[in-house]
């Protein structure tokens, strides 16, 4: 039997590295027992940090070649084919703590959608009671906008940097999209325009980053682009089918367009019940790339930091796609944990690794894509969860606690959680 001369029996030489200078320890290799798991490795790092007060010990997560250690070192190294390596480099990050529920807001009907990506720490919600609400981080309803004649299916901010000059969009089962102005300080909402061109329920809307245009997708299989500048006067003027100067139609999906996202000025993505994710060239208005999934799409989210698309599917899966791949095998990872249709997906702002998903199984899951297992499952909802997002915690002075998690669904409750300390 050949023995590795650099390895003692039952031990392996490791080097600990981190990108966080506040928790950095010596990078000199030394031997640790192969039986150690995440908790044992955390104790080693805390010892190396010379933290003698056990109450101040931090929990860490550990990665080898970008993959979390979720078993013992021995099992992980054997599975990765690294058992004979003389020195193993282990990266460590501060572990995410479990999210805790803080507040909830009672709506009058199912909560279909939430856009919490406001710099002011405000969440915009859409509800089956025909209305939209602006809710703050303490779960207090600040404003309500009612004008649709059927359930609101999607909402999106267009301007959200000043409390007295907010603008947002609502899309509805009544086949229309409405533009609203709101002033939280004066407690007023004002309808600005109604966009009529879809011939079936409008399921998804997304504004471009500067709020000058938006995209809408619906059950009429149409993806439409709209101009928010030079709107006709007076306010609440209708964009009719015959006079559609403010709209362009992108037709290529063969079934309902269930999700659109416009993450950068030059990138528009759409997803459909036809199982396709389509990327659009906004200069030529052409479908520049198509990625086919095994199951119908319900939501898409794009991470600028990772360059990856995350998708939510009817077959209970969350999928990750790399549009930069040229051999056509775009689907690089599938995350399986939900027990029912995945309804929404959201990358954490400024993160290349963390995302949220919600499902008809009543849960919201927090993922780190470096692990196949969800970090946490939030199962406080008593019915289908239809939407989730990251809500900026404007009261926090700790950059690690900058984001909260917000979710809503068929139990009519908007729930807000602290997201715990992050990477």
Protein backbone atom coordinates (compact mmCIF):
# COMPACT_ATOMS: atom_id res chain seq x y z
CA UNK A 1 0.00 0.00 0.00
CA UNK A 2 1.40 3.37 -1.03
CA UNK A 3 1.29 5.98 1.71
CA UNK A 4 1.27 9.73 1.05
CA UNK A 5 4.41 10.95 2.86
CA UNK A 6 2.81 14.34 3.50
CA UNK A 7 -0.19 12.83 5.24
CA UNK A 8 -0.46 11.41 8.74
CA UNK A 9 -2.98 8.61 9.22
CA UNK A 10 -6.44 10.11 9.72
CA UNK A 11 -5.16 13.62 9.06
CA UNK A 12 -4.64 15.98 6.14
CA UNK A 13 -2.53 19.11 5.71
CA UNK A 14 -4.65 22.21 5.03
CA UNK A 15 -4.16 25.90 4.37
CA UNK A 16 -6.98 28.31 5.39
CA UNK A 17 -7.58 31.35 3.15
CA UNK A 18 -10.22 34.10 3.10
CA UNK A 19 -11.01 37.32 1.26
CA UNK A 20 -12.19 38.99 4.49
CA UNK A 21 -9.24 40.66 6.27
CA UNK A 22 -11.21 40.94 9.54
CA UNK A 23 -11.22 37.16 10.01
CA UNK A 24 -7.89 36.25 8.36
CA UNK A 25 -5.61 33.71 10.06
CA UNK A 26 -2.21 32.25 9.22
CA UNK A 27 -1.97 30.62 5.80
CA UNK A 28 0.81 28.29 6.95
CA UNK A 29 -0.25 24.67 6.22
CA UNK A 30 -0.79 22.32 9.17
CA UNK A 31 -2.47 18.97 9.84
CA UNK A 32 -6.12 18.56 10.89
CA UNK A 33 -8.15 15.39 11.44
CA UNK A 34 -10.17 14.12 8.48
CA UNK A 35 -13.20 13.57 10.73
CA UNK A 36 -13.79 17.32 11.05
CA UNK A 37 -16.92 18.86 9.56
CA UNK A 38 -18.06 22.46 9.35
CA UNK A 39 -18.40 22.96 13.14
CA UNK A 40 -15.02 21.40 13.91
CA UNK A 41 -13.33 23.49 11.23
CA UNK A 42 -15.00 26.60 12.70
CA UNK A 43 -13.44 25.79 16.07
CA UNK A 44 -10.03 25.46 14.42
CA UNK A 45 -10.33 28.87 12.77
CA UNK A 46 -11.61 30.49 15.98
CA UNK A 47 -8.62 29.00 17.80
CA UNK A 48 -6.26 30.37 15.14
CA UNK A 49 -7.92 33.77 15.54
CA UNK A 50 -6.90 33.48 19.22
CA UNK A 51 -10.47 34.12 20.26
CA UNK A 52 -10.42 32.78 23.83
CA UNK A 53 -13.97 33.90 24.71
CA UNK A 54 -16.20 31.10 23.38
CA UNK A 55 -19.20 33.45 23.32
CA UNK A 56 -17.41 35.48 20.64
CA UNK A 57 -16.69 32.48 18.43
CA UNK A 58 -18.04 32.91 14.90
CA UNK A 59 -19.59 30.16 12.77
CA UNK A 60 -17.90 29.78 9.38
CA UNK A 61 -18.62 28.07 6.11
CA UNK A 62 -15.83 26.31 4.24
CA UNK A 63 -15.22 25.76 0.54
CA UNK A 64 -12.80 23.64 -1.45
CA UNK A 65 -12.53 24.63 -5.13
CA UNK A 66 -15.64 26.78 -4.78
CA UNK A 67 -17.88 24.06 -3.28
CA UNK A 68 -19.20 24.10 0.30
CA UNK A 69 -18.10 21.36 2.68
CA UNK A 70 -21.33 19.75 3.89
CA UNK A 71 -19.91 16.43 5.19
CA UNK A 72 -16.67 15.44 6.89
CA UNK A 73 -13.40 16.48 5.26
CA UNK A 74 -12.70 12.83 4.51
CA UNK A 75 -15.95 12.28 2.55
CA UNK A 76 -15.69 15.63 0.76
CA UNK A 77 -12.11 15.01 -0.39
CA UNK A 78 -12.89 11.48 -1.60
CA UNK A 79 -15.92 12.68 -3.57
CA UNK A 80 -13.89 15.52 -5.12
CA UNK A 81 -10.97 13.20 -5.92
CA UNK A 82 -8.56 15.20 -3.77
CA UNK A 83 -7.59 12.58 -1.17
CA UNK A 84 -3.99 12.37 -2.35
CA UNK A 85 -3.29 16.10 -2.54
CA UNK A 86 -0.35 17.03 -0.22
CA UNK A 87 -1.95 20.31 0.93
CA UNK A 88 -5.64 21.23 0.66
CA UNK A 89 -6.54 24.92 0.36
CA UNK A 90 -9.76 25.63 2.26
CA UNK A 91 -11.52 28.97 1.77
CA UNK A 92 -13.68 30.17 4.66
CA UNK A 93 -16.42 32.81 4.91
CA UNK A 94 -18.54 33.97 7.80
CA UNK A 95 -21.64 31.78 7.89
CA UNK A 96 -25.10 33.15 7.15
CA UNK A 97 -27.27 33.13 10.28
CA UNK A 98 -30.88 31.89 10.10
CA UNK A 99 -33.37 34.58 9.00
CA UNK A 100 -35.89 35.55 11.67
CA UNK A 101 -39.41 36.75 11.02
CA UNK A 102 -39.85 40.35 12.10
CA UNK A 103 -43.20 41.73 10.91
CA UNK A 104 -46.12 40.95 8.66
CA UNK A 105 -48.69 42.99 6.77
CA UNK A 106 -52.22 41.70 6.26
CA UNK A 107 -53.57 42.17 2.73
CA UNK A 108 -57.20 41.64 1.68
CA UNK A 109 -56.49 38.89 -0.86
CA UNK A 110 -53.68 36.89 -2.43
CA UNK A 111 -50.39 38.79 -2.78
CA UNK A 112 -49.29 38.11 -6.35
CA UNK A 113 -46.10 40.12 -6.65
CA UNK A 114 -43.55 42.23 -4.83
CA UNK A 115 -40.84 44.61 -6.01
CA UNK A 116 -38.81 45.56 -2.96
CA UNK A 117 -35.76 46.86 -4.79
CA UNK A 118 -36.22 50.46 -3.72
CA UNK A 119 -33.33 52.54 -2.40
CA UNK A 120 -35.75 53.89 0.22
CA UNK A 121 -36.44 50.54 1.86
CA UNK A 122 -39.98 50.39 0.43
CA UNK A 123 -41.76 47.33 -0.94
CA UNK A 124 -44.33 47.59 -3.73
CA UNK A 125 -46.93 44.80 -3.71
CA UNK A 126 -49.64 43.66 -6.09
CA UNK A 127 -52.79 42.00 -4.81
CA UNK A 128 -55.79 40.06 -6.11
CA UNK A 129 -57.99 42.72 -4.47
CA UNK A 130 -57.28 44.86 -7.62
CA UNK A 131 -54.86 47.12 -5.69
CA UNK A 132 -51.18 47.85 -5.16
CA UNK A 133 -49.57 48.92 -1.89
CA UNK A 134 -46.39 50.66 -0.81
CA UNK A 135 -45.17 49.05 2.43
CA UNK A 136 -42.19 50.11 4.53
CA UNK A 137 -39.61 47.94 6.30
CA UNK A 138 -41.72 47.72 9.46
CA UNK A 139 -44.61 46.23 7.42
CA UNK A 140 -46.76 49.39 7.58
CA UNK A 141 -48.91 50.22 4.54
CA UNK A 142 -48.06 53.78 3.50
CA UNK A 143 -50.15 54.09 0.32
CA UNK A 144 -52.66 52.11 -1.72
CA UNK A 145 -53.34 52.49 -5.46
CA UNK A 146 -56.62 51.10 -6.84
CA UNK A 147 -57.73 51.41 -10.47
CA UNK A 148 -57.67 48.00 -12.10
CA UNK A 149 -60.88 46.05 -12.69
CA UNK A 150 -59.29 42.66 -11.92
CA UNK A 151 -56.43 41.16 -9.92
CA UNK A 152 -53.02 42.85 -10.06
CA UNK A 153 -50.55 40.20 -11.31
CA UNK A 154 -47.27 42.17 -11.38
CA UNK A 155 -45.71 45.40 -10.07
CA UNK A 156 -42.49 47.27 -10.82
CA UNK A 157 -40.82 50.49 -9.69
CA UNK A 158 -39.81 52.99 -12.38
CA UNK A 159 -38.61 55.71 -9.99
CA UNK A 160 -37.99 55.07 -6.30
CA UNK A 161 -35.23 57.35 -5.04
CA UNK A 162 -37.36 60.14 -3.48
CA UNK A 163 -40.36 59.61 -1.21
CA UNK A 164 -42.21 62.56 -2.72
CA UNK A 165 -41.56 61.54 -6.35
CA UNK A 166 -42.21 57.81 -6.69
CA UNK A 167 -43.41 56.15 -9.88
CA UNK A 168 -44.47 52.57 -10.41
CA UNK A 169 -46.27 50.21 -12.77
CA UNK A 170 -49.04 47.70 -12.12
CA UNK A 171 -50.12 44.93 -14.53
CA UNK A 172 -53.41 43.12 -14.30
CA UNK A 173 -55.69 40.31 -15.28
CA UNK A 174 -57.79 43.10 -16.86
CA UNK A 175 -55.25 43.14 -19.77
CA UNK A 176 -53.85 46.59 -18.92
CA UNK A 177 -50.73 48.13 -17.38
CA UNK A 178 -51.07 51.31 -15.34
CA UNK A 179 -48.47 53.94 -14.48
CA UNK A 180 -48.79 55.68 -11.11
CA UNK A 181 -47.16 58.62 -9.36
CA UNK A 182 -46.98 58.59 -5.56
CA UNK A 183 -45.93 60.95 -2.79
CA UNK A 184 -45.43 59.15 0.51
CA UNK A 185 -44.99 62.41 2.44
CA UNK A 186 -48.29 63.83 1.13
CA UNK A 187 -49.93 60.37 1.20
CA UNK A 188 -51.19 60.67 -2.39
CA UNK A 189 -51.27 58.40 -5.44
CA UNK A 190 -52.12 59.65 -8.92
CA UNK A 191 -52.89 57.60 -12.07
CA UNK A 192 -50.71 58.79 -14.96
CA UNK A 193 -51.46 56.46 -17.88
CA UNK A 194 -53.16 53.23 -18.86
CA UNK A 195 -51.47 51.01 -21.45
CA UNK A 196 -53.86 48.87 -23.49
CA UNK A 197 -52.52 46.53 -26.15
CA UNK A 198 -52.44 43.07 -24.58
CA UNK A 199 -55.44 40.86 -25.36
CA UNK A 200 -55.09 38.66 -22.25
CA UNK A 201 -53.82 38.89 -18.68
CA UNK A 202 -50.55 40.80 -18.26
CA UNK A 203 -48.38 38.52 -16.12
CA UNK A 204 -45.07 40.35 -15.81
CA UNK A 205 -43.55 43.83 -16.15
CA UNK A 206 -40.05 45.23 -15.81
CA UNK A 207 -38.73 48.76 -16.26
CA UNK A 208 -35.30 49.51 -17.68
CA UNK A 209 -32.75 50.87 -15.17
CA UNK A 210 -33.37 54.57 -15.95
CA UNK A 211 -37.17 54.21 -15.87
CA UNK A 212 -37.73 55.51 -19.42
CA UNK A 213 -39.14 52.28 -20.87
CA UNK A 214 -40.72 49.06 -19.70
CA UNK A 215 -41.47 45.57 -20.98
CA UNK A 216 -44.64 43.56 -20.40
CA UNK A 217 -45.47 39.91 -21.02
CA UNK A 218 -48.86 38.26 -21.07
CA UNK A 219 -51.08 35.28 -21.70
CA UNK A 220 -51.56 36.49 -25.30
CA UNK A 221 -47.98 35.17 -25.92
CA UNK A 222 -46.80 38.73 -26.55
CA UNK A 223 -43.75 40.54 -25.21
CA UNK A 224 -44.26 44.30 -25.55
CA UNK A 225 -41.92 47.27 -25.12
CA UNK A 226 -43.34 50.62 -24.05
CA UNK A 227 -41.99 54.17 -23.94
CA UNK A 228 -42.58 56.06 -20.68
CA UNK A 229 -41.43 59.36 -22.17
CA UNK A 230 -43.64 61.76 -24.11
CA UNK A 231 -46.81 60.18 -22.82
CA UNK A 232 -50.02 61.61 -24.28
CA UNK A 233 -51.90 64.22 -22.29
CA UNK A 234 -54.10 64.41 -20.33
CA UNK A 235 -53.04 62.02 -17.59
CA UNK A 236 -54.58 58.54 -17.75
CA UNK A 237 -54.70 58.66 -21.55
CA UNK A 238 -55.12 55.21 -23.06
CA UNK A 239 -52.69 53.65 -25.51
CA UNK A 240 -55.15 52.04 -27.91
CA UNK A 241 -54.50 49.14 -30.26
CA UNK A 242 -54.91 51.39 -33.30
CA UNK A 243 -52.74 54.20 -31.99
CA UNK A 244 -49.81 52.35 -30.52
CA UNK A 245 -47.02 54.88 -30.98
CA UNK A 246 -45.60 54.11 -27.56
CA UNK A 247 -45.48 50.32 -27.98
CA UNK A 248 -43.48 47.68 -29.90
CA UNK A 249 -44.31 43.98 -30.04
CA UNK A 250 -41.62 41.29 -29.88
CA UNK A 251 -43.28 38.10 -31.11
CA UNK A 252 -41.51 34.76 -30.87
CA UNK A 253 -42.87 32.94 -27.81
CA UNK A 254 -45.46 30.30 -28.69
CA UNK A 255 -47.15 30.30 -25.27
CA UNK A 256 -47.79 32.73 -22.42
CA UNK A 257 -44.95 35.12 -21.55
CA UNK A 258 -44.84 34.70 -17.77
CA UNK A 259 -41.69 36.64 -16.88
CA UNK A 260 -39.68 39.59 -18.20
CA UNK A 261 -36.65 41.25 -16.65
CA UNK A 262 -34.68 44.28 -17.83
CA UNK A 263 -31.54 44.25 -15.63
CA UNK A 264 -29.30 46.59 -17.68
CA UNK A 265 -29.96 49.15 -20.42
CA UNK A 266 -28.85 46.65 -23.05
CA UNK A 267 -30.26 43.38 -21.69
CA UNK A 268 -33.84 42.20 -21.84
CA UNK A 269 -34.82 38.64 -20.98
CA UNK A 270 -38.16 36.88 -21.24
CA UNK A 271 -39.44 33.47 -20.14
CA UNK A 272 -42.51 31.54 -21.16
CA UNK A 273 -44.77 28.57 -20.67
CA UNK A 274 -43.18 27.37 -23.94
CA UNK A 275 -40.10 26.47 -21.82
CA UNK A 276 -37.84 29.01 -23.50
CA UNK A 277 -35.67 31.80 -22.09
CA UNK A 278 -35.09 34.44 -24.74
CA UNK A 279 -32.45 37.18 -24.81
CA UNK A 280 -33.22 40.28 -26.85
CA UNK A 281 -31.01 42.69 -28.78
CA UNK A 282 -32.62 46.07 -28.07
CA UNK A 283 -30.93 47.79 -31.00
CA UNK A 284 -32.24 45.40 -33.65
CA UNK A 285 -35.31 44.31 -31.60
CA UNK A 286 -34.32 40.74 -32.47
CA UNK A 287 -34.22 37.54 -30.40
CA UNK A 288 -30.42 37.20 -30.04
CA UNK A 289 -30.33 33.90 -28.12
CA UNK A 290 -32.70 31.20 -26.90
CA UNK A 291 -32.18 28.72 -24.07
CA UNK A 292 -34.59 25.79 -23.80
CA UNK A 293 -35.56 24.43 -20.37
CA UNK A 294 -37.20 21.08 -19.52
CA UNK A 295 -40.18 22.82 -17.91
CA UNK A 296 -42.36 25.93 -18.10
CA UNK A 297 -40.84 29.19 -16.81
CA UNK A 298 -42.46 31.25 -14.08
CA UNK A 299 -39.73 33.77 -13.20
CA UNK A 300 -36.25 34.96 -14.17
CA UNK A 301 -33.57 36.92 -12.33
CA UNK A 302 -30.19 38.08 -13.65
CA UNK A 303 -27.06 38.65 -11.57
CA UNK A 304 -24.76 41.29 -13.02
CA UNK A 305 -22.04 40.20 -10.56
CA UNK A 306 -22.18 36.52 -11.57
CA UNK A 307 -23.22 37.01 -15.19
CA UNK A 308 -25.78 34.24 -14.58
CA UNK A 309 -29.52 33.86 -15.08
CA UNK A 310 -31.62 32.07 -12.44
CA UNK A 311 -34.99 30.62 -13.43
CA UNK A 312 -38.04 29.29 -11.55
CA UNK A 313 -39.91 26.32 -13.01
CA UNK A 314 -43.12 24.33 -12.85
CA UNK A 315 -41.16 21.09 -12.30
CA UNK A 316 -40.10 22.30 -8.80
CA UNK A 317 -36.57 23.23 -9.94
CA UNK A 318 -34.41 26.34 -9.78
CA UNK A 319 -31.97 26.44 -12.71
CA UNK A 320 -28.84 28.50 -13.34
CA UNK A 321 -27.83 29.50 -16.86
CA UNK A 322 -24.66 31.03 -18.26
CA UNK A 323 -25.52 32.94 -21.47
CA UNK A 324 -21.81 33.35 -22.23
CA UNK A 325 -21.37 29.64 -22.98
CA UNK A 326 -20.98 29.03 -26.72
CA UNK A 327 -21.56 25.27 -27.00
CA UNK A 328 -25.29 25.55 -26.26
CA UNK A 329 -25.12 23.83 -22.85
CA UNK A 330 -26.26 26.93 -21.00
CA UNK A 331 -27.83 25.17 -17.99
CA UNK A 332 -24.88 24.88 -15.59
CA UNK A 333 -26.65 23.94 -12.35
CA UNK A 334 -30.04 22.76 -11.07
CA UNK A 335 -31.11 23.35 -7.46
CA UNK A 336 -33.67 20.87 -6.17
CA UNK A 337 -35.42 21.26 -2.82
CA UNK A 338 -38.90 22.66 -3.45
CA UNK A 339 -41.82 20.22 -3.44
CA UNK A 340 -44.02 22.17 -5.87
CA UNK A 341 -44.03 24.84 -8.59
CA UNK A 342 -41.32 27.48 -8.03
CA UNK A 343 -43.03 30.85 -8.38
CA UNK A 344 -40.30 33.48 -8.02
CA UNK A 345 -36.54 33.85 -7.97
CA UNK A 346 -34.36 36.81 -6.91
CA UNK A 347 -30.60 37.21 -6.82
CA UNK A 348 -29.39 39.09 -3.77
CA UNK A 349 -28.34 42.60 -4.84
CA UNK A 350 -24.56 42.89 -5.32
CA UNK A 351 -24.07 39.16 -4.75
CA UNK A 352 -22.74 36.57 -7.19
CA UNK A 353 -23.74 33.61 -5.02
CA UNK A 354 -26.93 34.14 -2.98
CA UNK A 355 -30.54 34.04 -4.17
CA UNK A 356 -34.11 33.54 -2.95
CA UNK A 357 -36.83 31.29 -4.33
CA UNK A 358 -40.49 30.86 -3.40
CA UNK A 359 -42.91 28.06 -4.17
CA UNK A 360 -46.44 26.70 -4.06
CA UNK A 361 -45.06 24.38 -1.35
CA UNK A 362 -45.41 27.28 1.13
CA UNK A 363 -41.70 27.95 1.54
CA UNK A 364 -39.12 30.60 0.72
CA UNK A 365 -35.59 29.21 0.35
CA UNK A 366 -32.28 31.03 0.68
CA UNK A 367 -29.59 29.54 -1.55
CA UNK A 368 -25.87 29.90 -2.03
CA UNK A 369 -25.09 28.48 -5.46
CA UNK A 370 -21.82 27.01 -4.15
CA UNK A 371 -23.95 24.43 -2.32
CA UNK A 372 -26.54 22.03 -3.73
CA UNK A 373 -28.49 22.28 -0.48
CA UNK A 374 -30.51 25.39 0.41
CA UNK A 375 -28.95 27.35 3.28
CA UNK A 376 -32.35 27.88 4.92
CA UNK A 377 -36.01 27.17 4.30
CA UNK A 378 -38.52 29.74 5.60
CA UNK A 379 -41.78 27.85 6.03
CA UNK A 380 -43.88 30.40 7.89
CA UNK A 381 -46.51 30.73 5.16
CA UNK A 382 -49.65 28.57 5.46
CA UNK A 383 -50.41 28.49 1.72
CA UNK A 384 -48.77 28.97 -1.68
CA UNK A 385 -45.98 31.59 -1.75
CA UNK A 386 -46.26 33.60 -4.97
CA UNK A 387 -43.47 36.16 -4.62
CA UNK A 388 -40.30 37.06 -2.76
CA UNK A 389 -37.63 39.77 -2.92
CA UNK A 390 -34.79 41.47 -1.04
CA UNK A 391 -35.81 44.59 0.91
CA UNK A 392 -33.15 47.15 1.73
CA UNK A 393 -32.83 47.70 5.49
CA UNK A 394 -32.39 51.48 5.53
CA UNK A 395 -32.16 51.54 9.34
CA UNK A 396 -29.11 49.28 9.49
CA UNK A 397 -25.65 50.63 10.24
CA UNK A 398 -24.14 47.18 9.73
CA UNK A 399 -23.33 46.44 6.08
CA UNK A 400 -23.76 42.72 6.81
CA UNK A 401 -27.38 43.33 7.76
CA UNK A 402 -28.28 45.59 4.85
CA UNK A 403 -31.05 43.38 3.43
CA UNK A 404 -34.27 41.86 4.68
CA UNK A 405 -36.35 39.17 2.97
CA UNK A 406 -39.96 39.86 2.03
CA UNK A 407 -42.51 37.33 0.74
CA UNK A 408 -46.23 37.05 0.06
CA UNK A 409 -48.81 34.67 -1.30
CA UNK A 410 -52.17 32.96 -0.97
CA UNK A 411 -52.31 33.27 2.84
CA UNK A 412 -52.72 37.07 2.22
CA UNK A 413 -49.80 37.96 4.52
CA UNK A 414 -46.71 39.90 3.50
CA UNK A 415 -43.92 38.62 5.74
CA UNK A 416 -40.64 40.42 6.41
CA UNK A 417 -37.59 38.59 7.78
CA UNK A 418 -34.18 39.74 8.90
CA UNK A 419 -31.82 38.08 6.45
CA UNK A 420 -29.07 37.36 8.97
CA UNK A 421 -25.43 38.19 8.46
CA UNK A 422 -24.23 37.67 4.93
CA UNK A 423 -21.11 36.47 3.18
